[in-house]
Protein backbone atom coordinates (compact mmCIF):
# COMPACT_ATOMS: atom_id res chain seq x y z
CA MET A 1 42.60 135.32 368.66
CA SER A 2 39.71 133.33 367.58
CA ILE A 3 40.15 130.12 365.11
CA ALA A 4 38.61 131.85 362.48
CA GLU A 5 41.82 134.72 362.49
CA LEU A 6 44.19 132.41 363.00
CA GLY A 7 43.24 130.56 359.88
CA ALA A 8 42.90 133.83 358.09
CA LEU A 9 46.53 134.49 359.53
CA GLY A 10 47.50 131.03 358.69
CA GLU A 11 46.72 131.40 354.73
CA PHE A 12 48.43 135.07 354.67
CA ILE A 13 51.46 133.07 355.79
CA ALA A 14 50.89 130.40 353.15
CA SER A 15 50.33 133.08 350.02
CA PHE A 16 53.26 134.83 351.26
CA GLY A 17 55.77 131.32 350.99
CA VAL A 18 53.68 130.63 347.72
CA PHE A 19 54.95 134.28 346.51
CA ALA A 20 58.02 134.18 347.98
CA THR A 21 58.83 130.29 346.14
CA LEU A 22 57.56 131.57 342.96
CA ILE A 23 60.08 134.43 343.21
CA TYR A 24 62.79 131.78 343.64
CA LEU A 25 61.93 129.90 341.19
CA ALA A 26 61.71 132.94 338.43
CA ILE A 27 65.26 133.60 339.64
CA GLN A 28 66.12 129.67 339.20
CA MET A 29 64.42 129.53 335.72
CA ARG A 30 66.52 133.20 334.48
CA GLN A 31 70.14 131.62 335.87
CA ASN A 32 69.23 128.43 334.27
CA THR A 33 68.50 130.23 331.11
CA GLN A 34 71.70 131.71 331.07
CA ALA A 35 73.67 128.73 331.83
CA LEU A 36 72.39 126.96 328.93
CA ARG A 37 72.95 129.98 326.43
CA LEU A 38 76.76 130.24 327.67
CA ASN A 39 76.68 126.01 326.99
CA THR A 40 75.34 125.68 324.17
CA ALA A 41 77.67 129.10 322.57
CA GLN A 42 80.53 127.25 324.17
CA VAL A 43 79.64 123.81 322.26
CA VAL A 44 78.89 125.73 318.53
CA THR A 45 82.58 127.70 319.42
CA GLU A 46 84.65 124.57 320.42
CA GLU A 47 83.15 122.75 317.14
CA LEU A 48 84.09 125.19 315.18
CA GLN A 49 87.57 125.73 316.90
CA GLN A 50 88.29 121.63 315.95
CA MET A 51 87.38 121.95 312.52
CA PHE A 52 89.34 125.23 311.91
CA SER A 53 92.41 123.79 313.79
CA LEU A 54 92.09 120.30 311.78
CA LEU A 55 92.57 122.98 308.46
CA ALA A 56 95.42 124.87 310.00
CA SER A 57 97.09 121.38 310.83
CA ASP A 58 96.69 119.65 307.80
CA GLU A 59 99.01 121.33 305.22
CA GLY A 60 96.61 118.90 302.13
CA LEU A 61 93.34 120.23 303.61
CA SER A 62 95.01 123.82 303.69
CA LYS A 63 95.84 123.54 300.62
CA VAL A 64 92.61 122.67 299.43
CA PHE A 65 91.16 125.65 301.45
CA VAL A 66 93.22 127.93 300.12
CA GLU A 67 92.65 126.51 296.22
CA ALA A 68 88.45 126.71 296.83
CA GLY A 69 88.78 130.60 297.60
CA LYS A 70 90.33 130.88 294.26
CA THR A 71 88.34 128.72 291.98
CA SER A 72 85.31 126.51 291.55
CA LYS A 73 87.37 124.02 289.57
CA LEU A 74 88.77 121.69 291.65
CA SER A 75 90.11 117.94 290.98
CA ASP A 76 87.67 115.11 292.29
CA VAL A 77 89.84 114.43 295.31
CA ASN A 78 89.96 117.88 295.78
CA LYS A 79 86.58 118.72 295.60
CA VAL A 80 85.74 115.70 298.29
CA ARG A 81 87.75 116.85 300.87
CA TYR A 82 86.41 120.66 300.63
CA TYR A 83 82.91 118.85 300.54
CA THR A 84 83.43 117.64 303.75
CA PHE A 85 85.01 120.22 305.40
CA THR A 86 82.20 122.39 303.99
CA SER A 87 79.65 120.38 304.94
CA ASN A 88 80.93 119.44 308.64
CA ILE A 89 81.22 123.42 308.65
CA MET A 90 77.66 123.73 307.77
CA ARG A 91 76.18 121.18 309.68
CA VAL A 92 77.90 123.16 313.08
CA CYS A 93 76.27 126.48 311.73
CA GLU A 94 72.66 124.64 310.95
CA ASN A 95 73.42 123.57 314.72
CA ALA A 96 73.61 126.84 316.03
CA TYR A 97 70.88 128.08 313.44
CA LEU A 98 68.52 126.22 315.39
CA GLN A 99 69.52 126.59 318.78
CA ASN A 100 69.42 130.88 318.00
CA ARG A 101 65.86 130.00 316.93
CA GLU A 102 65.00 128.55 320.29
CA ASN A 103 66.97 131.13 322.00
CA ALA A 104 69.28 128.93 323.29
CA ILE A 105 72.46 131.10 321.94
CA GLY A 106 72.35 134.28 322.35
CA PRO A 107 72.29 137.50 319.56
CA GLU A 108 76.07 138.29 319.67
CA HIS A 109 77.48 135.03 319.65
CA TRP A 110 74.73 133.88 316.72
CA GLU A 111 75.52 137.32 315.12
CA GLY A 112 79.39 135.83 315.06
CA VAL A 113 78.39 132.43 313.85
CA VAL A 114 76.68 134.30 310.60
CA ARG A 115 79.72 136.62 309.81
CA MET A 116 81.44 133.82 309.60
CA MET A 117 78.79 131.95 307.17
CA ILE A 118 78.98 135.03 305.30
CA ASP A 119 82.61 135.05 304.91
CA TYR A 120 82.56 131.24 304.15
CA SER A 121 79.96 132.03 301.49
CA LYS A 122 82.02 133.82 299.31
CA MET A 123 84.64 131.01 298.47
CA SER A 124 84.56 130.31 295.17
CA ALA A 125 84.07 126.54 295.38
CA PHE A 126 81.22 127.23 298.06
CA GLY A 127 78.22 128.17 295.18
CA ASP A 128 79.01 124.56 293.72
CA TYR A 129 78.83 123.17 297.01
CA TRP A 130 75.67 124.42 297.83
CA VAL A 131 73.84 123.55 294.72
CA ASN A 132 75.43 120.31 294.89
CA ARG A 133 74.92 119.35 298.98
CA ARG A 134 72.09 122.05 299.96
CA HIS A 135 69.69 119.56 300.21
CA TRP A 136 71.69 117.84 303.25
CA MET A 137 70.25 120.88 305.49
CA SER A 138 66.92 121.28 306.47
CA ASN A 139 64.45 123.09 305.01
CA GLU A 140 64.76 125.77 307.05
CA PHE A 141 68.57 126.35 307.13
CA GLN A 142 68.28 126.13 303.09
CA GLN A 143 65.61 129.01 303.47
CA TYR A 144 67.76 130.98 305.45
CA MET A 145 71.28 130.72 303.95
CA ASP A 146 69.47 131.23 300.64
CA ASN A 147 67.60 134.38 301.92
CA GLU A 148 70.19 135.50 304.29
CA ILE A 149 73.74 134.79 303.45
C-alpha cells in the first residue's frame, strides 16, 4: 500500500471519527435539553407548591384568599396580604412564562401553569391587583396576561 493510499485511509477513518463524535454530541445535547426541561418544571412546581402550602397552613391567609375570591373590597390589611401573596404567585408564573418562551419548560407543564393562572385571575380581587401591580411584571408578561388570561 502506497503512502497516498495510507493517507486516504487515514482521512476516511478520521472523517468517520468526526461523524461519530457529532452523533454523540447531538445525543448528549438532546439529553441535556430534556434534563433542563425537567429540572425547570420541577423548580416551578416546587415554588407553586410552597406558595399553596403556605396558604393551606396559614388560617388567616386562607381567610383572606377566600374573601378575595368573593369580593374585590378587601380591608387594607387583607389587601396587603392578598397583594403580597399574589405578587409571589405572579412572579413564579412570569418565570414559567419566560422559561416557556425559551423552550426550557415542556408544553404540558406550561399548559398546567396557564390553567392555574386562568383560575387565579377569576378571583374577584385579582382585577384590582392586576390594575395596581401589573407594572411590577415585565412588559412582555403583562401583554401575555392581558391577551391570554
